[in-house]
Amino acid sequence: MATNVSDPVARMYAGALIEIGRQHGNVGAIHDGLKVIAEAWKDEGFHNFFVSPRVSKEAKGPALVSALKGKVCTEVLNLVQLIVKKRREPLFDNIVRAFDRFKDQAEGRVHAFVEAGSPFDAAEFEALKAALSKASGGKEVELHVHNMPDLIGGARIRMGDLVIDTTLKRRLSKLARQFNQGNP
């Protein structure tokens, strides 16, 4: 969950970071560095230090650079120093999410979130992935499957603005509406 909901500012930082990564040919290294910090962000002590307004930016910046040097690329270190200097530390998780979205767009990748009543076998998984790739204009699809046995049957798929609901509950609801309207 985002610490701060100021997505426009986070998108600005992420967009600049993507552009710098393209110029230097190290978008992957920047992505890896952001993930290192995002993983540390999960630690309550690190997170509290990183976002604390009580720790001066003069103390926080050098401490973070010292802790991260050699673990992340220079561009990520510069980002950390800049957001500390501007007191925008709570934006960090938003920046990471925006960077991931920009990276996916640049690499022609979309994410599809699937809630299924039962697990897919390998052939069904690949067939669904291929169908969603076709529906997205040939983009690479990364499936995120969540098994939900309470759906009884079918699946619910969300990919961007596209929502497909083939669950038994939805089909029964549709059938009930048709009966109520006199159109069985």
N, C-alpha and C. Protein backbone atom coordinates (compact mmCIF):
# COMPACT_ATOMS: atom_id res chain seq x y z
N MET A 1 0.84 -1.18 0.00
CA MET A 1 0.00 0.00 0.00
C MET A 1 0.88 1.23 0.00
N ALA A 2 0.52 2.18 -0.77
CA ALA A 2 1.29 3.40 -0.90
C ALA A 2 1.26 4.20 0.40
N THR A 3 2.42 4.75 0.74
CA THR A 3 2.51 5.59 1.91
C THR A 3 1.89 6.94 1.61
N ASN A 4 2.07 7.40 0.38
CA ASN A 4 1.60 8.71 -0.03
C ASN A 4 0.91 8.54 -1.37
N VAL A 5 -0.23 9.12 -1.54
CA VAL A 5 -0.99 8.90 -2.76
C VAL A 5 -0.71 9.93 -3.86
N SER A 6 0.38 10.66 -3.76
CA SER A 6 0.70 11.68 -4.76
C SER A 6 1.31 11.03 -5.99
N ASP A 7 0.48 10.30 -6.73
CA ASP A 7 0.97 9.60 -7.91
C ASP A 7 1.52 10.50 -9.00
N PRO A 8 0.94 11.69 -9.27
CA PRO A 8 1.52 12.52 -10.33
C PRO A 8 2.99 12.87 -10.09
N VAL A 9 3.33 13.18 -8.87
CA VAL A 9 4.72 13.50 -8.55
C VAL A 9 5.58 12.24 -8.67
N ALA A 10 5.06 11.12 -8.20
CA ALA A 10 5.81 9.87 -8.31
C ALA A 10 6.03 9.51 -9.77
N ARG A 11 5.02 9.71 -10.60
CA ARG A 11 5.18 9.43 -12.04
C ARG A 11 6.23 10.33 -12.67
N MET A 12 6.31 11.56 -12.21
CA MET A 12 7.32 12.47 -12.73
C MET A 12 8.73 11.94 -12.42
N TYR A 13 8.95 11.54 -11.17
CA TYR A 13 10.25 10.98 -10.79
C TYR A 13 10.54 9.70 -11.57
N ALA A 14 9.55 8.81 -11.65
CA ALA A 14 9.73 7.54 -12.35
C ALA A 14 10.01 7.76 -13.83
N GLY A 15 9.29 8.70 -14.43
CA GLY A 15 9.50 9.01 -15.85
C GLY A 15 10.92 9.52 -16.10
N ALA A 16 11.38 10.39 -15.22
CA ALA A 16 12.76 10.90 -15.35
C ALA A 16 13.76 9.76 -15.19
N LEU A 17 13.49 8.87 -14.25
CA LEU A 17 14.40 7.74 -14.01
C LEU A 17 14.43 6.79 -15.21
N ILE A 18 13.29 6.53 -15.81
CA ILE A 18 13.23 5.69 -17.02
C ILE A 18 14.04 6.34 -18.13
N GLU A 19 13.86 7.64 -18.30
CA GLU A 19 14.55 8.35 -19.37
C GLU A 19 16.07 8.32 -19.15
N ILE A 20 16.50 8.52 -17.94
CA ILE A 20 17.93 8.44 -17.61
C ILE A 20 18.44 7.03 -17.87
N GLY A 21 17.64 6.02 -17.49
CA GLY A 21 18.03 4.63 -17.73
C GLY A 21 18.16 4.32 -19.21
N ARG A 22 17.26 4.86 -20.02
CA ARG A 22 17.35 4.65 -21.48
C ARG A 22 18.62 5.30 -22.03
N GLN A 23 18.89 6.52 -21.58
CA GLN A 23 20.07 7.23 -22.06
C GLN A 23 21.36 6.50 -21.73
N HIS A 24 21.41 5.91 -20.54
CA HIS A 24 22.62 5.22 -20.10
C HIS A 24 22.59 3.71 -20.37
N GLY A 25 21.46 3.23 -20.88
CA GLY A 25 21.34 1.81 -21.19
C GLY A 25 21.34 0.91 -19.98
N ASN A 26 20.80 1.42 -18.88
CA ASN A 26 20.80 0.59 -17.66
C ASN A 26 19.45 0.60 -16.94
N VAL A 27 18.37 0.54 -17.70
CA VAL A 27 17.04 0.48 -17.11
C VAL A 27 16.95 -0.73 -16.17
N GLY A 28 17.54 -1.85 -16.57
CA GLY A 28 17.51 -3.06 -15.74
C GLY A 28 18.23 -2.87 -14.42
N ALA A 29 19.37 -2.21 -14.43
CA ALA A 29 20.12 -1.96 -13.19
C ALA A 29 19.34 -1.02 -12.27
N ILE A 30 18.68 -0.03 -12.85
CA ILE A 30 17.85 0.88 -12.05
C ILE A 30 16.70 0.10 -11.43
N HIS A 31 16.05 -0.73 -12.24
CA HIS A 31 14.95 -1.57 -11.74
C HIS A 31 15.42 -2.44 -10.58
N ASP A 32 16.58 -3.08 -10.75
CA ASP A 32 17.12 -3.93 -9.69
C ASP A 32 17.40 -3.14 -8.42
N GLY A 33 17.96 -1.94 -8.58
CA GLY A 33 18.26 -1.10 -7.43
C GLY A 33 17.01 -0.67 -6.69
N LEU A 34 15.98 -0.32 -7.45
CA LEU A 34 14.71 0.06 -6.82
C LEU A 34 14.13 -1.12 -6.04
N LYS A 35 14.28 -2.32 -6.60
CA LYS A 35 13.75 -3.52 -5.92
C LYS A 35 14.52 -3.81 -4.63
N VAL A 36 15.83 -3.53 -4.62
CA VAL A 36 16.62 -3.72 -3.39
C VAL A 36 16.06 -2.83 -2.29
N ILE A 37 15.82 -1.57 -2.63
CA ILE A 37 15.30 -0.64 -1.62
C ILE A 37 13.86 -1.00 -1.27
N ALA A 38 13.07 -1.41 -2.26
CA ALA A 38 11.68 -1.79 -1.99
C ALA A 38 11.63 -2.98 -1.02
N GLU A 39 12.58 -3.89 -1.15
CA GLU A 39 12.63 -5.03 -0.23
C GLU A 39 12.99 -4.55 1.18
N ALA A 40 13.96 -3.63 1.26
CA ALA A 40 14.35 -3.07 2.56
C ALA A 40 13.20 -2.25 3.15
N TRP A 41 12.41 -1.63 2.29
CA TRP A 41 11.26 -0.80 2.68
C TRP A 41 10.29 -1.62 3.53
N LYS A 42 10.24 -2.94 3.31
CA LYS A 42 9.33 -3.81 4.06
C LYS A 42 9.75 -3.94 5.52
N ASP A 43 11.04 -3.68 5.80
CA ASP A 43 11.54 -3.74 7.17
C ASP A 43 11.08 -2.48 7.90
N GLU A 44 10.39 -2.65 9.00
CA GLU A 44 9.80 -1.51 9.71
C GLU A 44 10.85 -0.49 10.14
N GLY A 45 12.00 -0.95 10.60
CA GLY A 45 13.06 -0.04 11.04
C GLY A 45 13.58 0.82 9.90
N PHE A 46 13.86 0.16 8.76
CA PHE A 46 14.35 0.90 7.59
C PHE A 46 13.28 1.88 7.11
N HIS A 47 12.06 1.38 6.99
CA HIS A 47 10.96 2.21 6.50
C HIS A 47 10.77 3.44 7.40
N ASN A 48 10.72 3.23 8.71
CA ASN A 48 10.51 4.34 9.64
C ASN A 48 11.64 5.36 9.55
N PHE A 49 12.88 4.88 9.42
CA PHE A 49 14.02 5.80 9.27
C PHE A 49 13.90 6.56 7.96
N PHE A 50 13.58 5.85 6.89
CA PHE A 50 13.53 6.44 5.55
C PHE A 50 12.49 7.56 5.47
N VAL A 51 11.32 7.38 6.05
CA VAL A 51 10.24 8.36 5.91
C VAL A 51 10.11 9.32 7.09
N SER A 52 10.90 9.12 8.13
CA SER A 52 10.75 9.94 9.33
C SER A 52 11.09 11.41 9.09
N PRO A 53 10.15 12.29 9.43
CA PRO A 53 10.45 13.71 9.32
C PRO A 53 11.32 14.21 10.48
N ARG A 54 11.48 13.37 11.49
CA ARG A 54 12.29 13.75 12.65
C ARG A 54 13.79 13.64 12.37
N VAL A 55 14.14 12.77 11.42
CA VAL A 55 15.56 12.63 11.07
C VAL A 55 15.87 13.70 10.03
N SER A 56 16.87 14.51 10.31
CA SER A 56 17.18 15.61 9.39
C SER A 56 17.67 15.04 8.05
N LYS A 57 17.41 15.80 7.00
CA LYS A 57 17.85 15.36 5.68
C LYS A 57 19.37 15.34 5.59
N GLU A 58 20.04 16.17 6.39
CA GLU A 58 21.51 16.19 6.41
C GLU A 58 22.07 14.90 7.01
N ALA A 59 21.33 14.29 7.92
CA ALA A 59 21.78 13.03 8.52
C ALA A 59 21.28 11.83 7.71
N LYS A 60 20.05 11.94 7.20
CA LYS A 60 19.44 10.81 6.51
C LYS A 60 20.12 10.50 5.17
N GLY A 61 20.36 11.51 4.37
CA GLY A 61 20.95 11.32 3.04
C GLY A 61 22.25 10.52 3.08
N PRO A 62 23.25 11.00 3.83
CA PRO A 62 24.52 10.27 3.88
C PRO A 62 24.38 8.86 4.47
N ALA A 63 23.49 8.69 5.45
CA ALA A 63 23.30 7.36 6.06
C ALA A 63 22.73 6.39 5.04
N LEU A 64 21.76 6.83 4.25
CA LEU A 64 21.17 5.96 3.23
C LEU A 64 22.17 5.66 2.13
N VAL A 65 22.92 6.67 1.69
CA VAL A 65 23.93 6.45 0.65
C VAL A 65 24.97 5.46 1.14
N SER A 66 25.40 5.61 2.38
CA SER A 66 26.38 4.68 2.94
C SER A 66 25.83 3.25 2.99
N ALA A 67 24.58 3.11 3.38
CA ALA A 67 23.97 1.78 3.49
C ALA A 67 23.73 1.16 2.11
N LEU A 68 23.47 1.99 1.10
CA LEU A 68 23.09 1.46 -0.21
C LEU A 68 24.23 1.41 -1.23
N LYS A 69 25.31 2.11 -0.97
CA LYS A 69 26.42 2.16 -1.92
C LYS A 69 26.95 0.75 -2.19
N GLY A 70 27.10 0.43 -3.46
CA GLY A 70 27.55 -0.90 -3.86
C GLY A 70 26.42 -1.90 -4.03
N LYS A 71 25.24 -1.55 -3.52
CA LYS A 71 24.07 -2.44 -3.65
C LYS A 71 23.12 -1.97 -4.74
N VAL A 72 23.18 -0.67 -5.07
CA VAL A 72 22.33 -0.09 -6.10
C VAL A 72 23.18 0.79 -7.00
N CYS A 73 22.69 1.04 -8.21
CA CYS A 73 23.45 1.85 -9.16
C CYS A 73 23.41 3.33 -8.77
N THR A 74 24.28 4.10 -9.39
CA THR A 74 24.41 5.53 -9.10
C THR A 74 23.09 6.28 -9.29
N GLU A 75 22.34 5.94 -10.34
CA GLU A 75 21.08 6.63 -10.61
C GLU A 75 20.09 6.46 -9.47
N VAL A 76 20.06 5.29 -8.87
CA VAL A 76 19.15 5.05 -7.74
C VAL A 76 19.65 5.79 -6.51
N LEU A 77 20.97 5.80 -6.30
CA LEU A 77 21.53 6.58 -5.19
C LEU A 77 21.18 8.06 -5.35
N ASN A 78 21.30 8.56 -6.58
CA ASN A 78 20.96 9.97 -6.84
C ASN A 78 19.48 10.24 -6.57
N LEU A 79 18.61 9.28 -6.95
CA LEU A 79 17.18 9.44 -6.67
C LEU A 79 16.95 9.52 -5.16
N VAL A 80 17.57 8.63 -4.41
CA VAL A 80 17.40 8.62 -2.95
C VAL A 80 17.85 9.96 -2.37
N GLN A 81 19.00 10.44 -2.81
CA GLN A 81 19.49 11.72 -2.31
C GLN A 81 18.53 12.86 -2.66
N LEU A 82 17.99 12.84 -3.87
CA LEU A 82 17.09 13.89 -4.31
C LEU A 82 15.78 13.88 -3.52
N ILE A 83 15.19 12.70 -3.34
CA ILE A 83 13.91 12.68 -2.62
C ILE A 83 14.10 13.00 -1.14
N VAL A 84 15.28 12.68 -0.59
CA VAL A 84 15.57 13.08 0.80
C VAL A 84 15.74 14.59 0.86
N LYS A 85 16.48 15.15 -0.09
CA LYS A 85 16.72 16.60 -0.12
C LYS A 85 15.40 17.36 -0.24
N LYS A 86 14.47 16.84 -1.05
CA LYS A 86 13.18 17.49 -1.28
C LYS A 86 12.12 17.08 -0.25
N ARG A 87 12.50 16.18 0.67
CA ARG A 87 11.60 15.66 1.72
C ARG A 87 10.40 14.93 1.11
N ARG A 88 10.68 14.12 0.08
CA ARG A 88 9.62 13.36 -0.57
C ARG A 88 9.80 11.85 -0.39
N GLU A 89 10.40 11.47 0.71
CA GLU A 89 10.66 10.06 0.99
C GLU A 89 9.41 9.19 0.96
N PRO A 90 8.26 9.69 1.47
CA PRO A 90 7.06 8.84 1.44
C PRO A 90 6.59 8.47 0.04
N LEU A 91 7.11 9.14 -0.98
CA LEU A 91 6.74 8.83 -2.36
C LEU A 91 7.45 7.60 -2.91
N PHE A 92 8.43 7.09 -2.20
CA PHE A 92 9.30 6.06 -2.78
C PHE A 92 8.53 4.87 -3.34
N ASP A 93 7.59 4.31 -2.59
CA ASP A 93 6.88 3.13 -3.09
C ASP A 93 6.03 3.47 -4.31
N ASN A 94 5.49 4.69 -4.36
CA ASN A 94 4.74 5.13 -5.54
C ASN A 94 5.68 5.24 -6.76
N ILE A 95 6.88 5.74 -6.52
CA ILE A 95 7.86 5.87 -7.60
C ILE A 95 8.21 4.49 -8.16
N VAL A 96 8.41 3.52 -7.29
CA VAL A 96 8.73 2.15 -7.74
C VAL A 96 7.59 1.59 -8.58
N ARG A 97 6.36 1.75 -8.12
CA ARG A 97 5.22 1.24 -8.89
C ARG A 97 5.11 1.93 -10.25
N ALA A 98 5.29 3.23 -10.28
CA ALA A 98 5.21 3.97 -11.54
C ALA A 98 6.35 3.54 -12.48
N PHE A 99 7.54 3.35 -11.93
CA PHE A 99 8.68 2.90 -12.74
C PHE A 99 8.37 1.53 -13.35
N ASP A 100 7.81 0.64 -12.55
CA ASP A 100 7.46 -0.70 -13.05
C ASP A 100 6.45 -0.61 -14.20
N ARG A 101 5.46 0.27 -14.05
CA ARG A 101 4.47 0.44 -15.13
C ARG A 101 5.12 0.98 -16.40
N PHE A 102 5.98 1.98 -16.26
CA PHE A 102 6.67 2.55 -17.43
C PHE A 102 7.56 1.51 -18.09
N LYS A 103 8.24 0.72 -17.27
CA LYS A 103 9.13 -0.33 -17.80
C LYS A 103 8.31 -1.37 -18.55
N ASP A 104 7.19 -1.78 -17.99
CA ASP A 104 6.31 -2.74 -18.66
C ASP A 104 5.82 -2.19 -20.00
N GLN A 105 5.39 -0.93 -20.01
CA GLN A 105 4.93 -0.31 -21.26
C GLN A 105 6.04 -0.31 -22.30
N ALA A 106 7.23 0.07 -21.89
CA ALA A 106 8.36 0.15 -22.82
C ALA A 106 8.72 -1.22 -23.38
N GLU A 107 8.53 -2.26 -22.58
CA GLU A 107 8.89 -3.61 -22.99
C GLU A 107 7.70 -4.37 -23.58
N GLY A 108 6.57 -3.70 -23.74
CA GLY A 108 5.39 -4.33 -24.35
C GLY A 108 4.80 -5.44 -23.51
N ARG A 109 4.72 -5.21 -22.21
CA ARG A 109 4.20 -6.22 -21.29
C ARG A 109 2.96 -5.70 -20.60
N VAL A 110 1.97 -6.57 -20.43
CA VAL A 110 0.78 -6.25 -19.65
C VAL A 110 0.60 -7.30 -18.57
N HIS A 111 -0.11 -6.94 -17.54
CA HIS A 111 -0.37 -7.86 -16.44
C HIS A 111 -1.86 -8.21 -16.44
N ALA A 112 -2.14 -9.49 -16.29
CA ALA A 112 -3.52 -9.97 -16.20
C ALA A 112 -3.68 -10.65 -14.85
N PHE A 113 -4.74 -10.27 -14.16
CA PHE A 113 -5.01 -10.81 -12.83
C PHE A 113 -6.21 -11.75 -12.95
N VAL A 114 -5.97 -13.01 -12.56
CA VAL A 114 -6.97 -14.05 -12.75
C VAL A 114 -7.37 -14.64 -11.41
N GLU A 115 -8.68 -14.67 -11.17
CA GLU A 115 -9.22 -15.39 -10.01
C GLU A 115 -9.92 -16.61 -10.59
N ALA A 116 -9.48 -17.79 -10.19
CA ALA A 116 -10.01 -19.03 -10.78
C ALA A 116 -10.60 -19.92 -9.71
N GLY A 117 -11.66 -20.62 -10.10
CA GLY A 117 -12.33 -21.56 -9.20
C GLY A 117 -11.51 -22.81 -8.95
N SER A 118 -10.65 -23.15 -9.90
CA SER A 118 -9.78 -24.31 -9.74
C SER A 118 -8.46 -24.01 -10.47
N PRO A 119 -7.39 -24.68 -10.08
CA PRO A 119 -6.08 -24.42 -10.70
C PRO A 119 -6.08 -24.77 -12.19
N PHE A 120 -5.31 -24.03 -12.96
CA PHE A 120 -5.13 -24.31 -14.38
C PHE A 120 -4.05 -25.36 -14.54
N ASP A 121 -4.22 -26.26 -15.52
CA ASP A 121 -3.09 -27.12 -15.86
C ASP A 121 -2.21 -26.33 -16.83
N ALA A 122 -1.05 -26.87 -17.18
CA ALA A 122 -0.09 -26.15 -18.00
C ALA A 122 -0.66 -25.74 -19.35
N ALA A 123 -1.42 -26.62 -19.99
CA ALA A 123 -2.00 -26.32 -21.30
C ALA A 123 -3.04 -25.20 -21.20
N GLU A 124 -3.88 -25.23 -20.17
CA GLU A 124 -4.88 -24.17 -19.99
C GLU A 124 -4.21 -22.83 -19.70
N PHE A 125 -3.16 -22.87 -18.90
CA PHE A 125 -2.41 -21.67 -18.55
C PHE A 125 -1.84 -21.02 -19.80
N GLU A 126 -1.19 -21.82 -20.63
CA GLU A 126 -0.59 -21.30 -21.86
C GLU A 126 -1.64 -20.83 -22.85
N ALA A 127 -2.77 -21.54 -22.94
CA ALA A 127 -3.85 -21.14 -23.85
C ALA A 127 -4.44 -19.79 -23.40
N LEU A 128 -4.63 -19.62 -22.10
CA LEU A 128 -5.16 -18.36 -21.58
C LEU A 128 -4.16 -17.23 -21.85
N LYS A 129 -2.91 -17.50 -21.62
CA LYS A 129 -1.86 -16.50 -21.85
C LYS A 129 -1.84 -16.09 -23.33
N ALA A 130 -1.95 -17.04 -24.22
CA ALA A 130 -1.95 -16.76 -25.67
C ALA A 130 -3.19 -15.95 -26.06
N ALA A 131 -4.35 -16.31 -25.53
CA ALA A 131 -5.58 -15.60 -25.85
C ALA A 131 -5.51 -14.15 -25.35
N LEU A 132 -4.99 -13.96 -24.15
CA LEU A 132 -4.88 -12.61 -23.61
C LEU A 132 -3.83 -11.80 -24.35
N SER A 133 -2.78 -12.45 -24.80
CA SER A 133 -1.76 -11.77 -25.61
C SER A 133 -2.38 -11.26 -26.90
N LYS A 134 -3.19 -12.11 -27.52
CA LYS A 134 -3.88 -11.72 -28.75
C LYS A 134 -4.83 -10.55 -28.48
N ALA A 135 -5.57 -10.62 -27.37
CA ALA A 135 -6.52 -9.56 -27.02
C ALA A 135 -5.82 -8.24 -26.72
N SER A 136 -4.57 -8.32 -26.30
CA SER A 136 -3.81 -7.10 -25.97
C SER A 136 -3.00 -6.58 -27.14
N GLY A 137 -3.21 -7.15 -28.31
CA GLY A 137 -2.48 -6.68 -29.48
C GLY A 137 -1.09 -7.29 -29.62
N GLY A 138 -0.92 -8.47 -29.06
CA GLY A 138 0.35 -9.18 -29.20
C GLY A 138 1.36 -8.89 -28.11
N LYS A 139 0.95 -8.20 -27.06
CA LYS A 139 1.87 -7.91 -25.96
C LYS A 139 2.13 -9.16 -25.13
N GLU A 140 3.28 -9.16 -24.49
CA GLU A 140 3.61 -10.24 -23.56
C GLU A 140 2.70 -10.10 -22.34
N VAL A 141 2.11 -11.20 -21.92
CA VAL A 141 1.18 -11.16 -20.79
C VAL A 141 1.81 -11.88 -19.61
N GLU A 142 1.82 -11.18 -18.50
CA GLU A 142 2.26 -11.81 -17.26
C GLU A 142 1.01 -12.10 -16.44
N LEU A 143 0.76 -13.38 -16.22
CA LEU A 143 -0.45 -13.80 -15.49
C LEU A 143 -0.18 -13.85 -13.99
N HIS A 144 -1.13 -13.33 -13.24
CA HIS A 144 -1.10 -13.41 -11.78
C HIS A 144 -2.37 -14.17 -11.39
N VAL A 145 -2.21 -15.45 -11.06
CA VAL A 145 -3.36 -16.31 -10.81
C VAL A 145 -3.57 -16.49 -9.31
N HIS A 146 -4.82 -16.28 -8.90
CA HIS A 146 -5.20 -16.49 -7.51
C HIS A 146 -6.33 -17.51 -7.51
N ASN A 147 -6.08 -18.68 -6.91
CA ASN A 147 -7.11 -19.72 -6.86
C ASN A 147 -8.12 -19.39 -5.76
N MET A 148 -9.38 -19.39 -6.16
CA MET A 148 -10.48 -19.08 -5.24
C MET A 148 -11.54 -20.16 -5.37
N PRO A 149 -11.42 -21.26 -4.61
CA PRO A 149 -12.37 -22.36 -4.73
C PRO A 149 -13.82 -21.94 -4.51
N ASP A 150 -14.07 -20.84 -3.78
CA ASP A 150 -15.45 -20.40 -3.54
C ASP A 150 -16.12 -19.87 -4.81
N LEU A 151 -15.37 -19.69 -5.90
CA LEU A 151 -15.97 -19.28 -7.17
C LEU A 151 -16.72 -20.44 -7.81
N ILE A 152 -16.51 -21.64 -7.34
CA ILE A 152 -17.13 -22.89 -7.80
C ILE A 152 -16.67 -23.26 -9.20
N GLY A 153 -16.80 -22.40 -10.15
CA GLY A 153 -16.36 -22.72 -11.51
C GLY A 153 -16.10 -21.45 -12.29
N GLY A 154 -15.32 -21.58 -13.35
CA GLY A 154 -15.00 -20.45 -14.20
C GLY A 154 -13.88 -19.60 -13.64
N ALA A 155 -13.76 -18.39 -14.18
CA ALA A 155 -12.70 -17.49 -13.76
C ALA A 155 -13.12 -16.05 -13.99
N ARG A 156 -12.44 -15.16 -13.28
CA ARG A 156 -12.60 -13.72 -13.46
C ARG A 156 -11.22 -13.20 -13.86
N ILE A 157 -11.17 -12.45 -14.96
CA ILE A 157 -9.89 -11.97 -15.48
C ILE A 157 -9.96 -10.45 -15.61
N ARG A 158 -8.92 -9.78 -15.13
CA ARG A 158 -8.81 -8.34 -15.28
C ARG A 158 -7.46 -8.03 -15.91
N MET A 159 -7.51 -7.36 -17.05
CA MET A 159 -6.29 -6.96 -17.74
C MET A 159 -6.50 -5.52 -18.22
N GLY A 160 -5.94 -4.57 -17.47
CA GLY A 160 -6.20 -3.18 -17.78
C GLY A 160 -7.68 -2.88 -17.61
N ASP A 161 -8.32 -2.35 -18.65
CA ASP A 161 -9.74 -2.02 -18.60
C ASP A 161 -10.63 -3.21 -18.96
N LEU A 162 -10.04 -4.27 -19.45
CA LEU A 162 -10.79 -5.46 -19.87
C LEU A 162 -11.09 -6.34 -18.66
N VAL A 163 -12.37 -6.66 -18.49
CA VAL A 163 -12.78 -7.58 -17.42
C VAL A 163 -13.62 -8.67 -18.06
N ILE A 164 -13.23 -9.91 -17.80
CA ILE A 164 -13.96 -11.07 -18.30
C ILE A 164 -14.37 -11.90 -17.09
N ASP A 165 -15.66 -12.16 -16.99
CA ASP A 165 -16.17 -12.92 -15.84
C ASP A 165 -16.95 -14.12 -16.36
N THR A 166 -16.35 -15.31 -16.26
CA THR A 166 -17.01 -16.54 -16.69
C THR A 166 -17.36 -17.42 -15.51
N THR A 167 -17.45 -16.82 -14.32
CA THR A 167 -17.73 -17.61 -13.13
C THR A 167 -19.16 -18.15 -13.16
N LEU A 168 -19.35 -19.25 -12.48
CA LEU A 168 -20.67 -19.87 -12.39
C LEU A 168 -21.67 -18.90 -11.75
N LYS A 169 -21.23 -18.17 -10.75
CA LYS A 169 -22.10 -17.20 -10.09
C LYS A 169 -22.60 -16.16 -11.09
N ARG A 170 -21.74 -15.66 -11.93
CA ARG A 170 -22.13 -14.65 -12.93
C ARG A 170 -23.10 -15.25 -13.94
N ARG A 171 -22.80 -16.47 -14.39
CA ARG A 171 -23.68 -17.11 -15.38
C ARG A 171 -25.07 -17.37 -14.79
N LEU A 172 -25.13 -17.81 -13.52
CA LEU A 172 -26.42 -18.04 -12.86
C LEU A 172 -27.18 -16.73 -12.67
N SER A 173 -26.46 -15.69 -12.33
CA SER A 173 -27.08 -14.37 -12.16
C SER A 173 -27.67 -13.88 -13.48
N LYS A 174 -26.95 -14.08 -14.56
CA LYS A 174 -27.42 -13.68 -15.90
C LYS A 174 -28.67 -14.48 -16.27
N LEU A 175 -28.63 -15.77 -15.99
CA LEU A 175 -29.77 -16.63 -16.30
C LEU A 175 -31.00 -16.20 -15.49
N ALA A 176 -30.81 -15.86 -14.23
CA ALA A 176 -31.92 -15.41 -13.39
C ALA A 176 -32.53 -14.12 -13.92
N ARG A 177 -31.68 -13.19 -14.38
CA ARG A 177 -32.19 -11.95 -14.96
C ARG A 177 -33.02 -12.23 -16.22
N GLN A 178 -32.54 -13.18 -17.02
CA GLN A 178 -33.28 -13.52 -18.24
C GLN A 178 -34.64 -14.11 -17.92
N PHE A 179 -34.69 -14.98 -16.91
CA PHE A 179 -35.97 -15.57 -16.49
C PHE A 179 -36.91 -14.49 -15.95
N ASN A 180 -36.38 -13.57 -15.18
CA ASN A 180 -37.19 -12.50 -14.62
C ASN A 180 -37.73 -11.57 -15.70
N GLN A 181 -37.03 -11.46 -16.81
CA GLN A 181 -37.48 -10.62 -17.90
C GLN A 181 -38.33 -11.40 -18.91
N GLY A 182 -38.49 -12.68 -18.66
CA GLY A 182 -39.29 -13.52 -19.55
C GLY A 182 -38.56 -13.93 -20.81
N ASN A 183 -37.24 -13.91 -20.78
CA ASN A 183 -36.42 -14.28 -21.95
C ASN A 183 -35.49 -15.45 -21.61
N PRO A 184 -36.01 -16.64 -21.36
CA PRO A 184 -35.13 -17.76 -20.99
C PRO A 184 -34.24 -18.23 -22.09
